[in-house]
Protein backbone atom coordinates (compact mmCIF):
# COMPACT_ATOMS: atom_id res chain seq x y z
CA MET A 1 93.51 128.59 108.43
CA THR A 2 94.91 131.92 107.57
CA GLN A 3 91.68 133.49 106.43
CA GLU A 4 89.97 136.37 108.18
CA PRO A 5 87.76 134.94 110.86
CA GLY A 6 84.39 133.86 109.78
CA THR A 7 85.13 133.85 106.02
CA ASP A 8 85.69 130.20 105.34
CA TRP A 9 83.22 128.15 107.37
CA PRO A 10 82.98 125.38 104.80
CA GLU A 11 86.79 124.72 105.40
CA LEU A 12 86.29 124.65 109.13
CA LEU A 13 83.21 122.35 108.93
CA GLY A 14 85.25 120.17 106.59
CA TYR A 15 88.10 119.79 109.10
CA MET A 16 85.62 118.82 111.81
CA GLY A 17 84.09 116.37 109.47
CA ARG A 18 87.49 114.81 108.67
CA PHE A 19 88.25 114.44 112.43
CA SER A 20 84.76 113.05 113.08
CA LEU A 21 85.24 110.44 110.29
CA ASP A 22 88.68 109.49 111.61
CA LEU A 23 87.15 108.94 115.10
CA ALA A 24 84.19 106.98 113.74
CA GLU A 25 86.55 104.67 111.80
CA LEU A 26 88.90 104.17 114.89
CA GLU A 27 86.05 103.83 117.59
CA PRO A 28 82.75 103.58 115.75
CA GLU A 29 80.80 102.60 118.90
CA ALA A 30 82.25 105.46 120.95
CA PHE A 31 82.23 108.09 118.27
CA PRO A 32 79.41 107.37 115.64
CA MET A 33 79.68 109.54 112.53
CA THR A 34 77.38 112.51 112.44
CA TYR A 35 77.06 115.29 109.82
CA PRO A 36 76.19 118.97 109.79
CA ARG A 37 72.78 119.84 108.40
CA VAL A 38 72.36 121.66 105.12
CA GLY A 39 73.05 125.40 105.55
CA ALA A 40 70.26 127.67 106.82
CA THR A 41 68.32 129.83 104.42
CA ASP A 42 67.73 133.65 104.96
CA ASP A 43 64.17 132.55 106.04
CA ASP A 44 65.59 130.08 108.51
CA ILE A 45 67.75 132.72 110.04
CA ARG A 46 64.90 135.23 110.12
CA GLU A 47 62.47 132.89 111.76
CA ALA A 48 65.05 131.92 114.53
CA GLU A 49 65.75 135.53 115.27
CA GLU A 50 62.09 136.29 115.50
CA ARG A 51 61.56 133.34 117.94
CA ILE A 52 64.42 134.32 120.18
CA GLY A 53 63.72 138.08 119.94
CA PHE A 54 67.15 139.43 118.81
CA ALA A 55 69.65 139.24 115.97
CA LEU A 56 72.17 136.39 115.93
CA ASP A 57 75.91 137.03 116.15
CA PRO A 58 77.27 137.73 112.65
CA LEU A 59 79.76 134.89 112.82
CA HIS A 60 76.99 132.51 114.17
CA LYS A 61 74.74 133.45 111.14
CA ARG A 62 77.58 132.63 108.80
CA LEU A 63 78.20 129.24 110.53
CA LEU A 64 74.52 128.46 110.36
CA GLN A 65 74.34 129.36 106.65
CA THR A 66 77.03 126.82 106.05
CA GLY A 67 75.91 124.00 108.42
CA ASN A 68 72.53 124.54 110.16
CA GLY A 69 73.46 122.73 113.30
CA TRP A 70 75.34 119.46 113.82
CA PRO A 71 74.02 116.81 116.22
CA GLY A 72 76.76 115.03 118.08
CA THR A 73 79.60 117.03 116.78
CA LEU A 74 80.99 118.14 120.21
CA ILE A 75 82.61 114.83 121.27
CA THR A 76 79.40 112.84 120.48
CA THR A 77 77.27 114.13 123.33
CA GLY A 78 76.96 117.72 122.36
CA ASP A 79 74.93 119.40 119.62
CA LEU A 80 75.69 122.51 117.88
CA LEU A 81 72.11 124.01 117.68
CA GLY A 82 70.66 124.84 114.31
CA THR A 83 68.03 127.61 113.44
CA GLY A 84 65.13 125.10 114.06
CA GLU A 85 66.29 124.54 117.56
CA LEU A 86 66.94 128.12 118.48
CA GLY A 87 64.09 129.17 120.74
CA ALA A 88 62.10 126.06 119.81
CA SER A 89 63.45 122.71 120.93
CA SER A 90 64.04 120.63 123.95
CA ALA A 91 67.78 121.06 123.43
CA TRP A 92 67.26 124.88 123.54
CA SER A 93 65.05 124.59 126.65
CA THR A 94 67.70 122.36 128.39
CA ALA A 95 70.53 124.74 127.52
CA VAL A 96 68.57 127.80 128.66
CA ALA A 97 67.64 126.02 131.95
CA ARG A 98 71.35 125.10 132.48
CA LEU A 99 72.44 128.69 131.87
CA ASP A 100 69.72 129.93 134.23
CA ASP A 101 70.89 127.37 136.88
CA SER A 102 74.47 128.62 136.45
CA TYR A 103 73.33 132.08 137.08
CA ARG A 104 71.24 131.07 140.18
CA ARG A 105 74.39 129.39 141.54
CA GLY A 106 76.26 132.64 141.16
CA ALA A 107 78.03 132.69 137.83
CA ALA A 108 79.84 135.78 139.19
CA THR A 109 82.23 136.22 136.27
CA ALA A 110 79.44 136.00 133.68
CA PRO A 111 77.82 138.97 131.80
CA PRO A 112 74.15 139.65 132.46
CA ARG A 113 72.00 136.69 131.68
CA GLU A 114 69.80 138.45 129.21
CA GLU A 115 72.97 139.14 127.04
CA ILE A 116 73.71 135.42 126.62
CA TYR A 117 72.19 132.81 124.22
CA PRO A 118 73.08 129.09 123.85
CA ILE A 119 74.56 127.74 120.68
CA ALA A 120 75.63 124.32 121.84
CA ALA A 121 74.45 121.98 124.65
CA PHE A 122 75.45 118.56 125.89
CA TRP A 123 73.03 115.73 126.60
CA ASP A 124 74.66 114.23 129.64
CA THR A 125 76.56 117.20 131.37
CA PRO A 126 75.72 120.62 132.54
CA GLU A 127 77.93 122.24 129.93
CA VAL A 128 76.67 124.80 127.55
CA ALA A 129 78.47 127.03 124.97
CA ALA A 130 76.83 130.50 124.61
CA ILE A 131 77.41 133.73 122.83
CA TRP A 132 77.61 137.01 124.73
CA ARG A 133 75.58 139.02 122.18
CA GLU A 134 76.37 142.40 123.87
CA GLY A 135 80.02 141.61 124.41
CA PRO A 136 82.98 143.26 122.64
CA VAL A 137 83.22 142.55 118.93
CA THR A 138 86.48 140.89 117.80
CA ASP A 139 86.95 140.12 114.15
CA GLY A 140 83.27 140.44 113.43
CA GLY A 141 81.86 138.38 116.22
CA HIS A 142 81.00 138.37 119.95
CA PRO A 143 82.58 136.26 122.71
CA VAL A 144 81.70 132.64 123.24
CA LEU A 145 81.47 131.57 126.79
CA TRP A 146 81.68 127.99 128.16
CA PHE A 147 79.51 127.26 131.10
CA ASP A 148 79.93 124.31 133.39
CA VAL A 149 77.91 125.75 136.30
CA ALA A 150 80.05 128.82 135.96
CA VAL A 151 81.97 130.45 133.09
CA THR A 152 84.92 128.08 132.83
CA ARG A 153 86.37 129.32 129.47
CA SER A 154 85.85 132.13 126.95
CA TRP A 155 86.95 132.87 123.37
CA PRO A 156 86.92 136.22 121.59
CA ASN A 157 84.40 134.98 119.03
CA LEU A 158 82.66 131.88 117.48
CA TRP A 159 85.60 131.42 114.95
CA GLU A 160 88.10 131.15 117.69
CA TRP A 161 85.84 128.79 119.63
CA TRP A 162 85.45 126.54 116.64
CA THR A 163 89.15 126.36 115.90
CA ASP A 164 89.74 125.46 119.44
CA MET A 165 87.15 122.65 119.21
CA LEU A 166 89.11 121.60 116.13
CA ARG A 167 92.36 121.48 118.20
CA SER A 168 90.57 119.30 120.79
CA ARG A 169 89.07 116.98 118.26
CA ARG A 170 92.51 116.55 116.55
CA GLU A 171 94.04 115.61 120.02
CA ILE A 172 91.24 113.15 120.62
CA VAL A 173 91.85 111.56 117.21
CA ALA A 174 95.60 111.23 117.97
CA VAL A 175 94.87 109.54 121.30
CA ALA A 176 92.38 107.16 119.61
CA ARG A 177 94.83 106.37 116.83
CA ARG A 178 97.50 105.55 119.32
CA SER A 179 95.21 103.37 121.29
CA HIS A 180 94.02 101.53 118.10
CA GLU A 181 97.66 101.02 117.04
CA SER A 182 98.56 99.70 120.46
CA GLU A 183 95.68 97.29 120.25
CA GLN A 184 96.71 96.17 116.80
CA LYS A 185 100.15 95.28 118.08
CA LYS A 186 98.79 92.86 120.76
């Protein structure tokens, strides 16, 4: 992964797919296999931007053009939202409500709420990943913030967030593999 950030989303999606397949083979009930959707068209992007009322982060656009959302990719209970969900789905509404709740609870370290939009949401936890669309640009993209009632983590851009998610997924695969091997020896 030595490319300039945001230039090889197919490779990064492929890595996530490989780790997802490994988990599905090791623990199929806990980690069912899911797949990214076919990349978004220019019309899909334009329609999503019209619904939400602003331009998407440049790296986010590139990711969506490669894989237009990915249900269950974030450790099975989190969805990377696609263009059809941005501004128009229950997942979007849930993510927005969770962000709003974080701000009501005093997300003191967070940027202004109107500068944040969700890109990933979880089904069973209050966590949301969001892009700070007015934040500083690093390597062509804006910061990604992780909300769990408050901002608990941040990354300089979507590329860095995704590569960190890959590291987490790789670690989960390693733990699952060790557990599986341990069970095989019994």
